[in-house]
Amino acid sequence: MLTEAWYPGWTAQVDGVGAELLRADHLFQGLRLPSGKHQVRFEYHSTYLGSGWAIALVAILIPAGLAAYRRRSRPA
């Protein structure tokens, strides 16, 4: 069990092979593992990261564009 909140975007691998993530105790992440030693890897890939970067870029470009427009339109 991984005591990280269960959330879409998480994946797991057991010994290099994709594994099904399960909810454990209604909040955490769990895996079914056969007995013995295993290498377990959890990864998170945000589904909203690309959208967040796009919004941040627009939030920077709009004020910068308005400032450049105002400087250009001022009479000398």
PDB file of N, CA and C in Angstrom:
ATOM      1  N   MET A   1       0.853  -1.168   0.000  1.00  0.00           N
ATOM      2  CA  MET A   1       0.000   0.000   0.000  1.00  0.00           C
ATOM      3  C   MET A   1       0.897   1.228   0.000  1.00  0.00           C
ATOM      4  N   LEU A   2       0.512   2.223  -0.780  1.00  0.00           N
ATOM      5  CA  LEU A   2       1.187   3.517  -0.826  1.00  0.00           C
ATOM      6  C   LEU A   2       0.272   4.523  -0.160  1.00  0.00           C
ATOM      7  N   THR A   3       0.769   5.222   0.836  1.00  0.00           N
ATOM      8  CA  THR A   3      -0.078   6.179   1.547  1.00  0.00           C
ATOM      9  C   THR A   3      -0.085   7.526   0.839  1.00  0.00           C
ATOM     10  N   GLU A   4      -0.343   7.482  -0.431  1.00  0.00           N
ATOM     11  CA  GLU A   4      -0.540   8.657  -1.273  1.00  0.00           C
ATOM     12  C   GLU A   4      -1.997   8.600  -1.698  1.00  0.00           C
ATOM     13  N   ALA A   5      -2.669   9.735  -1.697  1.00  0.00           N
ATOM     14  CA  ALA A   5      -4.089   9.749  -2.030  1.00  0.00           C
ATOM     15  C   ALA A   5      -4.327   9.159  -3.423  1.00  0.00           C
ATOM     16  N   TRP A   6      -5.341   8.303  -3.523  1.00  0.00           N
ATOM     17  CA  TRP A   6      -5.709   7.723  -4.812  1.00  0.00           C
ATOM     18  C   TRP A   6      -6.281   8.835  -5.673  1.00  0.00           C
ATOM     19  N   TYR A   7      -5.769   8.970  -6.878  1.00  0.00           N
ATOM     20  CA  TYR A   7      -6.207  10.038  -7.774  1.00  0.00           C
ATOM     21  C   TYR A   7      -5.935   9.591  -9.206  1.00  0.00           C
ATOM     22  N   PRO A   8      -6.822   9.911 -10.151  1.00  0.00           N
ATOM     23  CA  PRO A   8      -6.569   9.528 -11.542  1.00  0.00           C
ATOM     24  C   PRO A   8      -5.245  10.114 -12.037  1.00  0.00           C
ATOM     25  N   GLY A   9      -4.542   9.368 -12.837  1.00  0.00           N
ATOM     26  CA  GLY A   9      -3.254   9.807 -13.356  1.00  0.00           C
ATOM     27  C   GLY A   9      -2.098   8.977 -12.807  1.00  0.00           C
ATOM     28  N   TRP A  10      -2.341   8.234 -11.740  1.00  0.00           N
ATOM     29  CA  TRP A  10      -1.316   7.367 -11.166  1.00  0.00           C
ATOM     30  C   TRP A  10      -1.264   6.055 -11.926  1.00  0.00           C
ATOM     31  N   THR A  11      -0.062   5.550 -12.153  1.00  0.00           N
ATOM     32  CA  THR A  11       0.145   4.230 -12.736  1.00  0.00           C
ATOM     33  C   THR A  11       1.156   3.483 -11.877  1.00  0.00           C
ATOM     34  N   ALA A  12       1.187   2.185 -12.022  1.00  0.00           N
ATOM     35  CA  ALA A  12       2.125   1.365 -11.256  1.00  0.00           C
ATOM     36  C   ALA A  12       2.703   0.278 -12.134  1.00  0.00           C
ATOM     37  N   GLN A  13       3.931  -0.100 -11.818  1.00  0.00           N
ATOM     38  CA  GLN A  13       4.590  -1.224 -12.479  1.00  0.00           C
ATOM     39  C   GLN A  13       5.152  -2.140 -11.403  1.00  0.00           C
ATOM     40  N   VAL A  14       5.044  -3.428 -11.648  1.00  0.00           N
ATOM     41  CA  VAL A  14       5.640  -4.432 -10.773  1.00  0.00           C
ATOM     42  C   VAL A  14       6.617  -5.225 -11.627  1.00  0.00           C
ATOM     43  N   ASP A  15       7.871  -5.154 -11.262  1.00  0.00           N
ATOM     44  CA  ASP A  15       8.934  -5.823 -12.009  1.00  0.00           C
ATOM     45  C   ASP A  15       8.923  -5.427 -13.484  1.00  0.00           C
ATOM     46  N   GLY A  16       8.648  -4.144 -13.771  1.00  0.00           N
ATOM     47  CA  GLY A  16       8.674  -3.619 -15.134  1.00  0.00           C
ATOM     48  C   GLY A  16       7.423  -3.857 -15.950  1.00  0.00           C
ATOM     49  N   VAL A  17       6.400  -4.452 -15.357  1.00  0.00           N
ATOM     50  CA  VAL A  17       5.146  -4.742 -16.073  1.00  0.00           C
ATOM     51  C   VAL A  17       4.026  -3.928 -15.434  1.00  0.00           C
ATOM     52  N   GLY A  18       3.180  -3.325 -16.265  1.00  0.00           N
ATOM     53  CA  GLY A  18       2.057  -2.539 -15.752  1.00  0.00           C
ATOM     54  C   GLY A  18       1.180  -3.344 -14.814  1.00  0.00           C
ATOM     55  N   ALA A  19       0.710  -2.693 -13.755  1.00  0.00           N
ATOM     56  CA  ALA A  19      -0.117  -3.372 -12.758  1.00  0.00           C
ATOM     57  C   ALA A  19      -1.343  -2.524 -12.461  1.00  0.00           C
ATOM     58  N   GLU A  20      -2.413  -3.189 -12.064  1.00  0.00           N
ATOM     59  CA  GLU A  20      -3.662  -2.500 -11.743  1.00  0.00           C
ATOM     60  C   GLU A  20      -3.572  -1.864 -10.352  1.00  0.00           C
ATOM     61  N   LEU A  21      -3.823  -0.567 -10.288  1.00  0.00           N
ATOM     62  CA  LEU A  21      -3.861   0.135  -9.002  1.00  0.00           C
ATOM     63  C   LEU A  21      -5.247  -0.011  -8.397  1.00  0.00           C
ATOM     64  N   LEU A  22      -5.291  -0.266  -7.132  1.00  0.00           N
ATOM     65  CA  LEU A  22      -6.548  -0.436  -6.415  1.00  0.00           C
ATOM     66  C   LEU A  22      -6.669   0.623  -5.326  1.00  0.00           C
ATOM     67  N   ARG A  23      -7.895   0.959  -4.967  1.00  0.00           N
ATOM     68  CA  ARG A  23      -8.102   1.828  -3.809  1.00  0.00           C
ATOM     69  C   ARG A  23      -7.965   0.985  -2.557  1.00  0.00           C
ATOM     70  N   ALA A  24      -7.222   1.514  -1.599  1.00  0.00           N
ATOM     71  CA  ALA A  24      -7.037   0.812  -0.332  1.00  0.00           C
ATOM     72  C   ALA A  24      -7.547   1.711   0.787  1.00  0.00           C
ATOM     73  N   ASP A  25      -8.376   1.193   1.654  1.00  0.00           N
ATOM     74  CA  ASP A  25      -8.944   1.954   2.771  1.00  0.00           C
ATOM     75  C   ASP A  25      -9.658   3.222   2.293  1.00  0.00           C
ATOM     76  N   HIS A  26     -10.263   3.183   1.131  1.00  0.00           N
ATOM     77  CA  HIS A  26     -11.061   4.264   0.538  1.00  0.00           C
ATOM     78  C   HIS A  26     -10.268   5.506   0.175  1.00  0.00           C
ATOM     79  N   LEU A  27      -8.980   5.565   0.468  1.00  0.00           N
ATOM     80  CA  LEU A  27      -8.228   6.791   0.229  1.00  0.00           C
ATOM     81  C   LEU A  27      -6.883   6.531  -0.442  1.00  0.00           C
ATOM     82  N   PHE A  28      -6.208   5.466  -0.077  1.00  0.00           N
ATOM     83  CA  PHE A  28      -4.851   5.235  -0.529  1.00  0.00           C
ATOM     84  C   PHE A  28      -4.800   4.337  -1.754  1.00  0.00           C
ATOM     85  N   GLN A  29      -3.585   4.080  -2.238  1.00  0.00           N
ATOM     86  CA  GLN A  29      -3.378   3.224  -3.396  1.00  0.00           C
ATOM     87  C   GLN A  29      -2.812   1.880  -2.946  1.00  0.00           C
ATOM     88  N   GLY A  30      -3.222   0.833  -3.614  1.00  0.00           N
ATOM     89  CA  GLY A  30      -2.721  -0.492  -3.272  1.00  0.00           C
ATOM     90  C   GLY A  30      -2.492  -1.330  -4.516  1.00  0.00           C
ATOM     91  N   LEU A  31      -1.687  -2.348  -4.366  1.00  0.00           N
ATOM     92  CA  LEU A  31      -1.400  -3.307  -5.433  1.00  0.00           C
ATOM     93  C   LEU A  31      -1.518  -4.714  -4.871  1.00  0.00           C
ATOM     94  N   ARG A  32      -1.945  -5.637  -5.717  1.00  0.00           N
ATOM     95  CA  ARG A  32      -1.885  -7.053  -5.336  1.00  0.00           C
ATOM     96  C   ARG A  32      -0.544  -7.586  -5.810  1.00  0.00           C
ATOM     97  N   LEU A  33       0.197  -8.154  -4.883  1.00  0.00           N
ATOM     98  CA  LEU A  33       1.514  -8.694  -5.213  1.00  0.00           C
ATOM     99  C   LEU A  33       1.608 -10.149  -4.787  1.00  0.00           C
ATOM    100  N   PRO A  34       2.212 -10.991  -5.625  1.00  0.00           N
ATOM    101  CA  PRO A  34       2.496 -12.345  -5.170  1.00  0.00           C
ATOM    102  C   PRO A  34       3.618 -12.297  -4.121  1.00  0.00           C
ATOM    103  N   SER A  35       3.752 -13.330  -3.349  1.00  0.00           N
ATOM    104  CA  SER A  35       4.785 -13.335  -2.314  1.00  0.00           C
ATOM    105  C   SER A  35       6.172 -13.270  -2.954  1.00  0.00           C
ATOM    106  N   GLY A  36       7.117 -12.755  -2.205  1.00  0.00           N
ATOM    107  CA  GLY A  36       8.483 -12.639  -2.689  1.00  0.00           C
ATOM    108  C   GLY A  36       8.883 -11.189  -2.866  1.00  0.00           C
ATOM    109  N   LYS A  37      10.112 -10.998  -3.309  1.00  0.00           N
ATOM    110  CA  LYS A  37      10.633  -9.650  -3.535  1.00  0.00           C
ATOM    111  C   LYS A  37      10.228  -9.162  -4.921  1.00  0.00           C
ATOM    112  N   HIS A  38       9.848  -7.891  -4.982  1.00  0.00           N
ATOM    113  CA  HIS A  38       9.448  -7.277  -6.251  1.00  0.00           C
ATOM    114  C   HIS A  38       9.927  -5.841  -6.287  1.00  0.00           C
ATOM    115  N   GLN A  39      10.123  -5.354  -7.497  1.00  0.00           N
ATOM    116  CA  GLN A  39      10.417  -3.943  -7.683  1.00  0.00           C
ATOM    117  C   GLN A  39       9.116  -3.275  -8.099  1.00  0.00           C
ATOM    118  N   VAL A  40       8.656  -2.325  -7.278  1.00  0.00           N
ATOM    119  CA  VAL A  40       7.391  -1.636  -7.518  1.00  0.00           C
ATOM    120  C   VAL A  40       7.693  -0.177  -7.825  1.00  0.00           C
ATOM    121  N   ARG A  41       7.043   0.320  -8.865  1.00  0.00           N
ATOM    122  CA  ARG A  41       7.256   1.716  -9.266  1.00  0.00           C
ATOM    123  C   ARG A  41       5.904   2.380  -9.459  1.00  0.00           C
ATOM    124  N   PHE A  42       5.714   3.513  -8.777  1.00  0.00           N
ATOM    125  CA  PHE A  42       4.521   4.339  -8.945  1.00  0.00           C
ATOM    126  C   PHE A  42       4.919   5.590  -9.715  1.00  0.00           C
ATOM    127  N   GLU A  43       4.072   6.009 -10.663  1.00  0.00           N
ATOM    128  CA  GLU A  43       4.312   7.240 -11.425  1.00  0.00           C
ATOM    129  C   GLU A  43       3.015   8.024 -11.509  1.00  0.00           C
ATOM    130  N   TYR A  44       3.161   9.336 -11.537  1.00  0.00           N
ATOM    131  CA  TYR A  44       2.001  10.206 -11.682  1.00  0.00           C
ATOM    132  C   TYR A  44       2.187  11.070 -12.915  1.00  0.00           C
ATOM    133  N   HIS A  45       1.175  11.103 -13.760  1.00  0.00           N
ATOM    134  CA  HIS A  45       1.158  11.939 -14.954  1.00  0.00           C
ATOM    135  C   HIS A  45      -0.127  12.756 -14.913  1.00  0.00           C
ATOM    136  N   SER A  46       0.021  14.043 -14.691  1.00  0.00           N
ATOM    137  CA  SER A  46      -1.135  14.917 -14.550  1.00  0.00           C
ATOM    138  C   SER A  46      -1.870  15.069 -15.879  1.00  0.00           C
ATOM    139  N   THR A  47      -3.174  14.949 -15.823  1.00  0.00           N
ATOM    140  CA  THR A  47      -3.982  15.164 -17.025  1.00  0.00           C
ATOM    141  C   THR A  47      -4.233  16.654 -17.249  1.00  0.00           C
ATOM    142  N   TYR A  48      -3.943  17.474 -16.242  1.00  0.00           N
ATOM    143  CA  TYR A  48      -4.211  18.907 -16.328  1.00  0.00           C
ATOM    144  C   TYR A  48      -2.952  19.745 -16.525  1.00  0.00           C
ATOM    145  N   LEU A  49      -1.788  19.145 -16.571  1.00  0.00           N
ATOM    146  CA  LEU A  49      -0.548  19.900 -16.663  1.00  0.00           C
ATOM    147  C   LEU A  49      -0.467  20.716 -17.954  1.00  0.00           C
ATOM    148  N   GLY A  50      -0.812  20.111 -19.081  1.00  0.00           N
ATOM    149  CA  GLY A  50      -0.781  20.828 -20.355  1.00  0.00           C
ATOM    150  C   GLY A  50      -1.732  22.009 -20.372  1.00  0.00           C
ATOM    151  N   SER A  51      -2.939  21.812 -19.853  1.00  0.00           N
ATOM    152  CA  SER A  51      -3.914  22.909 -19.784  1.00  0.00           C
ATOM    153  C   SER A  51      -3.414  24.016 -18.864  1.00  0.00           C
ATOM    154  N   GLY A  52      -2.791  23.630 -17.762  1.00  0.00           N
ATOM    155  CA  GLY A  52      -2.259  24.623 -16.828  1.00  0.00           C
ATOM    156  C   GLY A  52      -1.170  25.475 -17.450  1.00  0.00           C
ATOM    157  N   TRP A  53      -0.270  24.834 -18.201  1.00  0.00           N
ATOM    158  CA  TRP A  53       0.778  25.592 -18.888  1.00  0.00           C
ATOM    159  C   TRP A  53       0.181  26.538 -19.929  1.00  0.00           C
ATOM    160  N   ALA A  54      -0.825  26.088 -20.666  1.00  0.00           N
ATOM    161  CA  ALA A  54      -1.459  26.941 -21.678  1.00  0.00           C
ATOM    162  C   ALA A  54      -2.121  28.156 -21.029  1.00  0.00           C
ATOM    163  N   ILE A  55      -2.818  27.955 -19.923  1.00  0.00           N
ATOM    164  CA  ILE A  55      -3.462  29.069 -19.220  1.00  0.00           C
ATOM    165  C   ILE A  55      -2.410  30.039 -18.684  1.00  0.00           C
ATOM    166  N   ALA A  56      -1.316  29.507 -18.141  1.00  0.00           N
ATOM    167  CA  ALA A  56      -0.251  30.366 -17.620  1.00  0.00           C
ATOM    168  C   ALA A  56       0.383  31.185 -18.742  1.00  0.00           C
ATOM    169  N   LEU A  57       0.591  30.565 -19.893  1.00  0.00           N
ATOM    170  CA  LEU A  57       1.174  31.281 -21.026  1.00  0.00           C
ATOM    171  C   LEU A  57       0.267  32.410 -21.487  1.00  0.00           C
ATOM    172  N   VAL A  58      -1.022  32.149 -21.596  1.00  0.00           N
ATOM    173  CA  VAL A  58      -1.976  33.186 -21.986  1.00  0.00           C
ATOM    174  C   VAL A  58      -1.999  34.297 -20.943  1.00  0.00           C
ATOM    175  N   ALA A  59      -1.948  33.916 -19.660  1.00  0.00           N
ATOM    176  CA  ALA A  59      -1.971  34.911 -18.588  1.00  0.00           C
ATOM    177  C   ALA A  59      -0.741  35.815 -18.634  1.00  0.00           C
ATOM    178  N   ILE A  60       0.370  35.325 -19.170  1.00  0.00           N
ATOM    179  CA  ILE A  60       1.571  36.150 -19.308  1.00  0.00           C
ATOM    180  C   ILE A  60       1.524  36.981 -20.592  1.00  0.00           C
ATOM    181  N   LEU A  61       1.075  36.375 -21.689  1.00  0.00           N
ATOM    182  CA  LEU A  61       1.109  37.045 -22.984  1.00  0.00           C
ATOM    183  C   LEU A  61       0.097  38.179 -23.109  1.00  0.00           C
ATOM    184  N   ILE A  62      -1.079  38.049 -22.525  1.00  0.00           N
ATOM    185  CA  ILE A  62      -2.089  39.107 -22.657  1.00  0.00           C
ATOM    186  C   ILE A  62      -1.614  40.414 -22.023  1.00  0.00           C
ATOM    187  N   PRO A  63      -1.176  40.432 -20.762  1.00  0.00           N
ATOM    188  CA  PRO A  63      -0.690  41.705 -20.199  1.00  0.00           C
ATOM    189  C   PRO A  63       0.552  42.227 -20.931  1.00  0.00           C
ATOM    190  N   ALA A  64       1.449  41.352 -21.354  1.00  0.00           N
ATOM    191  CA  ALA A  64       2.635  41.796 -22.084  1.00  0.00           C
ATOM    192  C   ALA A  64       2.234  42.417 -23.421  1.00  0.00           C
ATOM    193  N   GLY A  65       1.281  41.804 -24.099  1.00  0.00           N
ATOM    194  CA  GLY A  65       0.801  42.359 -25.367  1.00  0.00           C
ATOM    195  C   GLY A  65       0.103  43.688 -25.183  1.00  0.00           C
ATOM    196  N   LEU A  66      -0.707  43.814 -24.136  1.00  0.00           N
ATOM    197  CA  LEU A  66      -1.372  45.094 -23.867  1.00  0.00           C
ATOM    198  C   LEU A  66      -0.366  46.189 -23.538  1.00  0.00           C
ATOM    199  N   ALA A  67       0.655  45.869 -22.771  1.00  0.00           N
ATOM    200  CA  ALA A  67       1.682  46.860 -22.434  1.00  0.00           C
ATOM    201  C   ALA A  67       2.429  47.301 -23.689  1.00  0.00           C
ATOM    202  N   ALA A  68       2.769  46.362 -24.554  1.00  0.00           N
ATOM    203  CA  ALA A  68       3.470  46.706 -25.794  1.00  0.00           C
ATOM    204  C   ALA A  68       2.578  47.550 -26.696  1.00  0.00           C
ATOM    205  N   TYR A  69       1.303  47.233 -26.756  1.00  0.00           N
ATOM    206  CA  TYR A  69       0.370  48.003 -27.587  1.00  0.00           C
ATOM    207  C   TYR A  69       0.239  49.434 -27.069  1.00  0.00           C
ATOM    208  N   ARG A  70       0.151  49.585 -25.752  1.00  0.00           N
ATOM    209  CA  ARG A  70       0.020  50.935 -25.176  1.00  0.00           C
ATOM    210  C   ARG A  70       1.272  51.772 -25.416  1.00  0.00           C
ATOM    211  N   ARG A  71       2.436  51.164 -25.320  1.00  0.00           N
ATOM    212  CA  ARG A  71       3.676  51.893 -25.574  1.00  0.00           C
ATOM    213  C   ARG A  71       3.761  52.336 -27.039  1.00  0.00           C
ATOM    214  N   ARG A  72       3.329  51.476 -27.923  1.00  0.00           N
ATOM    215  CA  ARG A  72       3.412  51.771 -29.368  1.00  0.00           C
ATOM    216  C   ARG A  72       2.399  52.838 -29.769  1.00  0.00           C
ATOM    217  N   SER A  73       1.214  52.856 -29.116  1.00  0.00           N
ATOM    218  CA  SER A  73       0.152  53.788 -29.528  1.00  0.00           C
ATOM    219  C   SER A  73       0.270  55.164 -28.884  1.00  0.00           C
ATOM    220  N   ARG A  74       1.216  55.367 -27.952  1.00  0.00           N
ATOM    221  CA  ARG A  74       1.387  56.684 -27.338  1.00  0.00           C
ATOM    222  C   ARG A  74       2.036  57.651 -28.342  1.00  0.00           C
ATOM    223  N   PRO A  75       1.519  58.870 -28.380  1.00  0.00           N
ATOM    224  CA  PRO A  75       2.184  59.871 -29.246  1.00  0.00           C
ATOM    225  C   PRO A  75       3.518  60.293 -28.623  1.00  0.00           C
ATOM    226  N   ALA A  76       4.487  60.558 -29.454  1.00  0.00           N
ATOM    227  CA  ALA A  76       5.829  60.938 -28.966  1.00  0.00           C
ATOM    228  C   ALA A  76       5.929  62.375 -28.585  1.00  0.00           C
TER     229      ALA A  76
END
